[in-house]
Amino acid sequence: MASRKKLKKTIKFVSSELITDIYFHCLMSGKMDEQTVDNLVVEIMNLNREFVLRANRPDGKDNPKLVKAYYSKLFADWQANTSQIISKTEKL
């Protein structure tokens, strides 16, 4: 990512799109387990909060290699968690 600001906006955008997708999927399928949907939305919001907070505090501010490694790991973790949420959404 080019900047922290862009990374945080991307995380927030994808989180909102995932929530929208969950509700749209439930409306289109006609079956909706409210407790499961609510738990999934809460999980998305917690991940959103966690990753935005992690984006604000990189390790090793003075060493660019450590900062790059930190953000690479953050992005990889975020992608892994996002794909888990997507697989849970498909199971609804």
C-alpha atoms as a PDB file:
ATOM      1  CA  MET A   1       0.000   0.000   0.000  1.00  0.00           C
ATOM      2  CA  ALA A   2       1.133   3.486  -0.728  1.00  0.00           C
ATOM      3  CA  SER A   3       0.112   5.036   2.578  1.00  0.00           C
ATOM      4  CA  ARG A   4      -1.487   4.272   5.917  1.00  0.00           C
ATOM      5  CA  LYS A   5      -4.466   6.412   5.027  1.00  0.00           C
ATOM      6  CA  LYS A   6      -5.127   4.416   1.854  1.00  0.00           C
ATOM      7  CA  LEU A   7      -4.663   1.118   3.697  1.00  0.00           C
ATOM      8  CA  LYS A   8      -7.151   2.099   6.407  1.00  0.00           C
ATOM      9  CA  LYS A   9      -9.685   3.269   3.816  1.00  0.00           C
ATOM     10  CA  THR A  10      -9.311  -0.015   1.950  1.00  0.00           C
ATOM     11  CA  ILE A  11      -9.832  -2.035   5.127  1.00  0.00           C
ATOM     12  CA  LYS A  12     -12.959  -0.044   5.999  1.00  0.00           C
ATOM     13  CA  PHE A  13     -14.322  -0.272   2.453  1.00  0.00           C
ATOM     14  CA  VAL A  14     -13.874  -4.031   2.223  1.00  0.00           C
ATOM     15  CA  SER A  15     -15.427  -4.488   5.664  1.00  0.00           C
ATOM     16  CA  SER A  16     -18.510  -2.515   4.653  1.00  0.00           C
ATOM     17  CA  GLU A  17     -18.755  -4.455   1.391  1.00  0.00           C
ATOM     18  CA  LEU A  18     -18.574  -7.758   3.276  1.00  0.00           C
ATOM     19  CA  ILE A  19     -21.396  -6.685   5.583  1.00  0.00           C
ATOM     20  CA  THR A  20     -23.477  -5.566   2.615  1.00  0.00           C
ATOM     21  CA  ASP A  21     -22.792  -8.862   0.874  1.00  0.00           C
ATOM     22  CA  ILE A  22     -23.918 -10.831   3.926  1.00  0.00           C
ATOM     23  CA  TYR A  23     -27.238  -9.023   4.153  1.00  0.00           C
ATOM     24  CA  PHE A  24     -27.774  -9.160   0.389  1.00  0.00           C
ATOM     25  CA  HIS A  25     -27.044 -12.896   0.373  1.00  0.00           C
ATOM     26  CA  CYS A  26     -29.530 -13.463   3.186  1.00  0.00           C
ATOM     27  CA  LEU A  27     -32.224 -11.414   1.474  1.00  0.00           C
ATOM     28  CA  MET A  28     -31.782 -13.185  -1.837  1.00  0.00           C
ATOM     29  CA  SER A  29     -31.715 -16.686  -0.355  1.00  0.00           C
ATOM     30  CA  GLY A  30     -34.872 -16.098   1.679  1.00  0.00           C
ATOM     31  CA  LYS A  31     -33.506 -17.864   4.723  1.00  0.00           C
ATOM     32  CA  MET A  32     -31.863 -15.859   7.444  1.00  0.00           C
ATOM     33  CA  ASP A  33     -30.533 -17.083  10.753  1.00  0.00           C
ATOM     34  CA  GLU A  34     -30.372 -13.756  12.561  1.00  0.00           C
ATOM     35  CA  GLN A  35     -28.017 -14.923  15.283  1.00  0.00           C
ATOM     36  CA  THR A  36     -25.475 -16.287  12.798  1.00  0.00           C
ATOM     37  CA  VAL A  37     -25.657 -13.161  10.645  1.00  0.00           C
ATOM     38  CA  ASP A  38     -25.275 -10.881  13.655  1.00  0.00           C
ATOM     39  CA  ASN A  39     -22.276 -12.858  14.910  1.00  0.00           C
ATOM     40  CA  LEU A  40     -20.651 -12.656  11.495  1.00  0.00           C
ATOM     41  CA  VAL A  41     -21.209  -8.890  11.287  1.00  0.00           C
ATOM     42  CA  VAL A  42     -19.739  -8.425  14.765  1.00  0.00           C
ATOM     43  CA  GLU A  43     -16.741 -10.510  13.740  1.00  0.00           C
ATOM     44  CA  ILE A  44     -16.217  -8.304  10.667  1.00  0.00           C
ATOM     45  CA  MET A  45     -16.419  -5.140  12.741  1.00  0.00           C
ATOM     46  CA  ASN A  46     -13.926  -6.517  15.278  1.00  0.00           C
ATOM     47  CA  LEU A  47     -11.517  -7.422  12.477  1.00  0.00           C
ATOM     48  CA  ASN A  48     -11.989  -3.976  10.981  1.00  0.00           C
ATOM     49  CA  ARG A  49     -11.147  -2.318  14.277  1.00  0.00           C
ATOM     50  CA  GLU A  50      -8.183  -4.610  14.926  1.00  0.00           C
ATOM     51  CA  PHE A  51      -6.559  -4.061  11.538  1.00  0.00           C
ATOM     52  CA  VAL A  52      -7.117  -0.299  11.485  1.00  0.00           C
ATOM     53  CA  LEU A  53      -5.467  -0.083  14.906  1.00  0.00           C
ATOM     54  CA  ARG A  54      -2.605  -2.304  13.733  1.00  0.00           C
ATOM     55  CA  ALA A  55      -2.125  -0.075  10.674  1.00  0.00           C
ATOM     56  CA  ASN A  56      -1.608   2.922  12.965  1.00  0.00           C
ATOM     57  CA  ARG A  57       1.268   1.416  14.939  1.00  0.00           C
ATOM     58  CA  PRO A  58       4.079  -0.080  12.844  1.00  0.00           C
ATOM     59  CA  ASP A  59       7.045  -1.737  14.511  1.00  0.00           C
ATOM     60  CA  GLY A  60      10.531  -0.301  14.005  1.00  0.00           C
ATOM     61  CA  LYS A  61       9.677   3.198  12.796  1.00  0.00           C
ATOM     62  CA  ASP A  62      13.324   4.018  12.111  1.00  0.00           C
ATOM     63  CA  ASN A  63      14.076   0.935  10.017  1.00  0.00           C
ATOM     64  CA  PRO A  64      12.255   0.914   6.633  1.00  0.00           C
ATOM     65  CA  LYS A  65      12.818  -2.827   6.188  1.00  0.00           C
ATOM     66  CA  LEU A  66      11.038  -3.594   9.462  1.00  0.00           C
ATOM     67  CA  VAL A  67       8.174  -1.271   8.546  1.00  0.00           C
ATOM     68  CA  LYS A  68       7.794  -2.911   5.135  1.00  0.00           C
ATOM     69  CA  ALA A  69       7.832  -6.377   6.703  1.00  0.00           C
ATOM     70  CA  TYR A  70       5.263  -5.254   9.293  1.00  0.00           C
ATOM     71  CA  TYR A  71       2.846  -3.964   6.665  1.00  0.00           C
ATOM     72  CA  SER A  72       3.388  -7.012   4.459  1.00  0.00           C
ATOM     73  CA  LYS A  73       2.460  -9.275   7.376  1.00  0.00           C
ATOM     74  CA  LEU A  74      -0.503  -7.057   8.267  1.00  0.00           C
ATOM     75  CA  PHE A  75      -1.811  -7.214   4.702  1.00  0.00           C
ATOM     76  CA  ALA A  76      -1.324 -10.997   4.513  1.00  0.00           C
ATOM     77  CA  ASP A  77      -3.161 -11.483   7.836  1.00  0.00           C
ATOM     78  CA  TRP A  78      -5.964  -9.216   6.647  1.00  0.00           C
ATOM     79  CA  GLN A  79      -6.353 -11.157   3.402  1.00  0.00           C
ATOM     80  CA  ALA A  80      -6.445 -14.467   5.285  1.00  0.00           C
ATOM     81  CA  ASN A  81      -9.126 -13.224   7.687  1.00  0.00           C
ATOM     82  CA  THR A  82     -11.128 -11.728   4.826  1.00  0.00           C
ATOM     83  CA  SER A  83     -11.117 -15.020   2.946  1.00  0.00           C
ATOM     84  CA  GLN A  84     -12.313 -16.818   6.103  1.00  0.00           C
ATOM     85  CA  ILE A  85     -15.219 -14.376   6.358  1.00  0.00           C
ATOM     86  CA  ILE A  86     -16.049 -14.906   2.682  1.00  0.00           C
ATOM     87  CA  SER A  87     -16.116 -18.679   3.147  1.00  0.00           C
ATOM     88  CA  LYS A  88     -18.414 -18.286   6.172  1.00  0.00           C
ATOM     89  CA  THR A  89     -20.681 -16.040   4.106  1.00  0.00           C
ATOM     90  CA  GLU A  90     -20.915 -18.633   1.355  1.00  0.00           C
ATOM     91  CA  LYS A  91     -22.040 -21.232   3.898  1.00  0.00           C
ATOM     92  CA  LEU A  92     -25.038 -19.132   4.984  1.00  0.00           C
END
